[in-house]
């Protein structure tokens, strides 16, 4: 199955998980309908400068962020770290995270949430 850029279902979330501004979520594949693995999300996230996703936990699942573009500050279960394109973060097993675009260009993240 092939899906081309621009054909994705798009959601815009305001103040996602208590964060600032908006997050654009492009759902690359739909869990259960298209993905048979225990996946809750497979998407490209875009945060404009100053926007963020607030701190939240992942219990009985893991979320992987891969930064495609931009600069971010992430809270990795209480430890703040600066991330750039090419960096990745894994959160799961009851741990939490948040992420904020601290750069001047859009922050683009590939995100996958897998359940166990």
C-alpha atoms as a PDB file:
ATOM      1  CA  UNK A   1       0.000   0.000   0.000  1.00  0.00           C
ATOM      2  CA  UNK A   2       1.288   3.459  -0.869  1.00  0.00           C
ATOM      3  CA  UNK A   3       0.156   6.811   0.413  1.00  0.00           C
ATOM      4  CA  UNK A   4       1.702   9.966  -1.018  1.00  0.00           C
ATOM      5  CA  UNK A   5       2.581  13.152   0.804  1.00  0.00           C
ATOM      6  CA  UNK A   6      -0.493  15.363   1.059  1.00  0.00           C
ATOM      7  CA  UNK A   7      -2.899  12.406   1.299  1.00  0.00           C
ATOM      8  CA  UNK A   8      -2.708  12.042   5.086  1.00  0.00           C
ATOM      9  CA  UNK A   9      -5.536  12.632   7.544  1.00  0.00           C
ATOM     10  CA  UNK A  10      -4.665  15.805   9.468  1.00  0.00           C
ATOM     11  CA  UNK A  11      -5.630  16.799  13.020  1.00  0.00           C
ATOM     12  CA  UNK A  12      -4.752  20.094  14.644  1.00  0.00           C
ATOM     13  CA  UNK A  13      -4.559  19.929  18.432  1.00  0.00           C
ATOM     14  CA  UNK A  14      -4.589  23.123  20.465  1.00  0.00           C
ATOM     15  CA  UNK A  15      -2.662  23.130  23.746  1.00  0.00           C
ATOM     16  CA  UNK A  16      -1.933  19.405  23.350  1.00  0.00           C
ATOM     17  CA  UNK A  17      -1.597  17.710  26.739  1.00  0.00           C
ATOM     18  CA  UNK A  18      -1.432  21.144  28.372  1.00  0.00           C
ATOM     19  CA  UNK A  19       1.216  22.472  25.985  1.00  0.00           C
ATOM     20  CA  UNK A  20       1.389  25.809  24.168  1.00  0.00           C
ATOM     21  CA  UNK A  21       0.031  26.650  20.721  1.00  0.00           C
ATOM     22  CA  UNK A  22      -0.925  24.081  18.114  1.00  0.00           C
ATOM     23  CA  UNK A  23       0.407  20.717  16.970  1.00  0.00           C
ATOM     24  CA  UNK A  24      -0.369  19.514  13.454  1.00  0.00           C
ATOM     25  CA  UNK A  25      -0.670  15.721  13.342  1.00  0.00           C
ATOM     26  CA  UNK A  26      -0.449  13.998   9.972  1.00  0.00           C
ATOM     27  CA  UNK A  27      -1.605  10.403  10.462  1.00  0.00           C
ATOM     28  CA  UNK A  28       0.541   8.359   8.079  1.00  0.00           C
ATOM     29  CA  UNK A  29      -1.295   5.085   8.733  1.00  0.00           C
ATOM     30  CA  UNK A  30      -4.396   4.363  10.827  1.00  0.00           C
ATOM     31  CA  UNK A  31      -4.041   1.996  13.788  1.00  0.00           C
ATOM     32  CA  UNK A  32      -6.276  -1.105  13.673  1.00  0.00           C
ATOM     33  CA  UNK A  33      -7.642  -0.224  10.196  1.00  0.00           C
ATOM     34  CA  UNK A  34      -4.333  -0.222   8.320  1.00  0.00           C
ATOM     35  CA  UNK A  35      -1.686  -1.216  10.894  1.00  0.00           C
ATOM     36  CA  UNK A  36      -2.244  -4.655  12.384  1.00  0.00           C
ATOM     37  CA  UNK A  37       0.494  -4.356  15.050  1.00  0.00           C
ATOM     38  CA  UNK A  38      -0.416  -2.938  18.475  1.00  0.00           C
ATOM     39  CA  UNK A  39       0.107   0.642  17.389  1.00  0.00           C
ATOM     40  CA  UNK A  40      -1.800   3.669  18.690  1.00  0.00           C
ATOM     41  CA  UNK A  41      -0.082   6.310  16.550  1.00  0.00           C
ATOM     42  CA  UNK A  42       2.174   6.544  13.511  1.00  0.00           C
ATOM     43  CA  UNK A  43       2.361  10.193  12.508  1.00  0.00           C
ATOM     44  CA  UNK A  44       4.360  13.244  11.544  1.00  0.00           C
ATOM     45  CA  UNK A  45       3.997  16.049  14.088  1.00  0.00           C
ATOM     46  CA  UNK A  46       4.710  19.693  13.281  1.00  0.00           C
ATOM     47  CA  UNK A  47       5.127  22.348  15.980  1.00  0.00           C
ATOM     48  CA  UNK A  48       5.690  25.995  15.054  1.00  0.00           C
ATOM     49  CA  UNK A  49       8.263  27.989  17.054  1.00  0.00           C
ATOM     50  CA  UNK A  50       7.186  28.360  20.686  1.00  0.00           C
ATOM     51  CA  UNK A  51       4.654  25.518  20.517  1.00  0.00           C
ATOM     52  CA  UNK A  52       4.831  22.454  22.751  1.00  0.00           C
ATOM     53  CA  UNK A  53       3.297  19.175  23.856  1.00  0.00           C
ATOM     54  CA  UNK A  54       2.833  19.171  27.629  1.00  0.00           C
ATOM     55  CA  UNK A  55       4.235  16.597  30.036  1.00  0.00           C
ATOM     56  CA  UNK A  56       2.410  13.261  29.974  1.00  0.00           C
ATOM     57  CA  UNK A  57       3.165   9.621  30.785  1.00  0.00           C
ATOM     58  CA  UNK A  58       3.026   6.400  28.779  1.00  0.00           C
ATOM     59  CA  UNK A  59       1.901   3.321  30.707  1.00  0.00           C
ATOM     60  CA  UNK A  60       1.704  -0.070  28.963  1.00  0.00           C
ATOM     61  CA  UNK A  61       3.053   1.559  25.793  1.00  0.00           C
ATOM     62  CA  UNK A  62       6.134   3.235  24.345  1.00  0.00           C
ATOM     63  CA  UNK A  63       6.406   6.416  22.309  1.00  0.00           C
ATOM     64  CA  UNK A  64       9.350   7.104  20.034  1.00  0.00           C
ATOM     65  CA  UNK A  65      10.065  10.617  18.743  1.00  0.00           C
ATOM     66  CA  UNK A  66      12.550  11.034  15.877  1.00  0.00           C
ATOM     67  CA  UNK A  67      13.347  14.685  15.153  1.00  0.00           C
ATOM     68  CA  UNK A  68      13.337  15.312  11.414  1.00  0.00           C
ATOM     69  CA  UNK A  69      13.765  19.097  11.519  1.00  0.00           C
ATOM     70  CA  UNK A  70      14.279  21.805  14.104  1.00  0.00           C
ATOM     71  CA  UNK A  71      15.490  22.279  17.662  1.00  0.00           C
ATOM     72  CA  UNK A  72      13.615  21.202  20.783  1.00  0.00           C
ATOM     73  CA  UNK A  73      13.820  21.068  24.528  1.00  0.00           C
ATOM     74  CA  UNK A  74      12.486  17.789  25.862  1.00  0.00           C
ATOM     75  CA  UNK A  75      11.683  16.798  29.419  1.00  0.00           C
ATOM     76  CA  UNK A  76      12.660  13.132  29.596  1.00  0.00           C
ATOM     77  CA  UNK A  77      11.010  11.996  32.845  1.00  0.00           C
ATOM     78  CA  UNK A  78      12.354  15.012  34.749  1.00  0.00           C
ATOM     79  CA  UNK A  79      15.625  15.527  32.873  1.00  0.00           C
ATOM     80  CA  UNK A  80      15.620  18.452  30.426  1.00  0.00           C
ATOM     81  CA  UNK A  81      17.702  18.023  27.283  1.00  0.00           C
ATOM     82  CA  UNK A  82      18.168  19.956  24.039  1.00  0.00           C
ATOM     83  CA  UNK A  83      17.487  17.926  20.876  1.00  0.00           C
ATOM     84  CA  UNK A  84      18.194  18.573  17.203  1.00  0.00           C
ATOM     85  CA  UNK A  85      17.303  16.919  13.900  1.00  0.00           C
ATOM     86  CA  UNK A  86      18.526  13.309  13.911  1.00  0.00           C
ATOM     87  CA  UNK A  87      18.035  12.845  17.666  1.00  0.00           C
ATOM     88  CA  UNK A  88      15.485  10.458  19.125  1.00  0.00           C
ATOM     89  CA  UNK A  89      13.708   9.949  22.449  1.00  0.00           C
ATOM     90  CA  UNK A  90      11.999   6.815  23.814  1.00  0.00           C
ATOM     91  CA  UNK A  91       9.413   7.061  26.589  1.00  0.00           C
ATOM     92  CA  UNK A  92       7.420   4.190  28.106  1.00  0.00           C
ATOM     93  CA  UNK A  93       6.750   1.924  31.046  1.00  0.00           C
ATOM     94  CA  UNK A  94       5.091   4.683  33.072  1.00  0.00           C
ATOM     95  CA  UNK A  95       7.744   7.326  32.333  1.00  0.00           C
ATOM     96  CA  UNK A  96       6.772  10.748  31.014  1.00  0.00           C
ATOM     97  CA  UNK A  97       7.948  13.400  28.605  1.00  0.00           C
ATOM     98  CA  UNK A  98       7.187  16.749  27.029  1.00  0.00           C
ATOM     99  CA  UNK A  99       8.681  18.592  24.066  1.00  0.00           C
ATOM    100  CA  UNK A 100       8.859  22.236  23.015  1.00  0.00           C
ATOM    101  CA  UNK A 101      10.039  23.914  19.816  1.00  0.00           C
ATOM    102  CA  UNK A 102      12.763  26.312  20.986  1.00  0.00           C
ATOM    103  CA  UNK A 103      14.056  27.096  17.501  1.00  0.00           C
ATOM    104  CA  UNK A 104      13.140  29.554  14.758  1.00  0.00           C
ATOM    105  CA  UNK A 105      11.904  26.972  12.236  1.00  0.00           C
ATOM    106  CA  UNK A 106       9.160  24.367  12.463  1.00  0.00           C
ATOM    107  CA  UNK A 107       9.904  21.325  14.614  1.00  0.00           C
ATOM    108  CA  UNK A 108       9.020  18.180  12.651  1.00  0.00           C
ATOM    109  CA  UNK A 109       8.854  14.867  14.515  1.00  0.00           C
ATOM    110  CA  UNK A 110       8.055  11.325  13.419  1.00  0.00           C
ATOM    111  CA  UNK A 111       6.078   9.727  16.276  1.00  0.00           C
ATOM    112  CA  UNK A 112       5.164   6.107  16.923  1.00  0.00           C
ATOM    113  CA  UNK A 113       3.204   4.817  19.926  1.00  0.00           C
ATOM    114  CA  UNK A 114       3.305   1.039  20.330  1.00  0.00           C
ATOM    115  CA  UNK A 115       1.353  -0.819  23.025  1.00  0.00           C
ATOM    116  CA  UNK A 116       2.385  -3.906  24.988  1.00  0.00           C
END
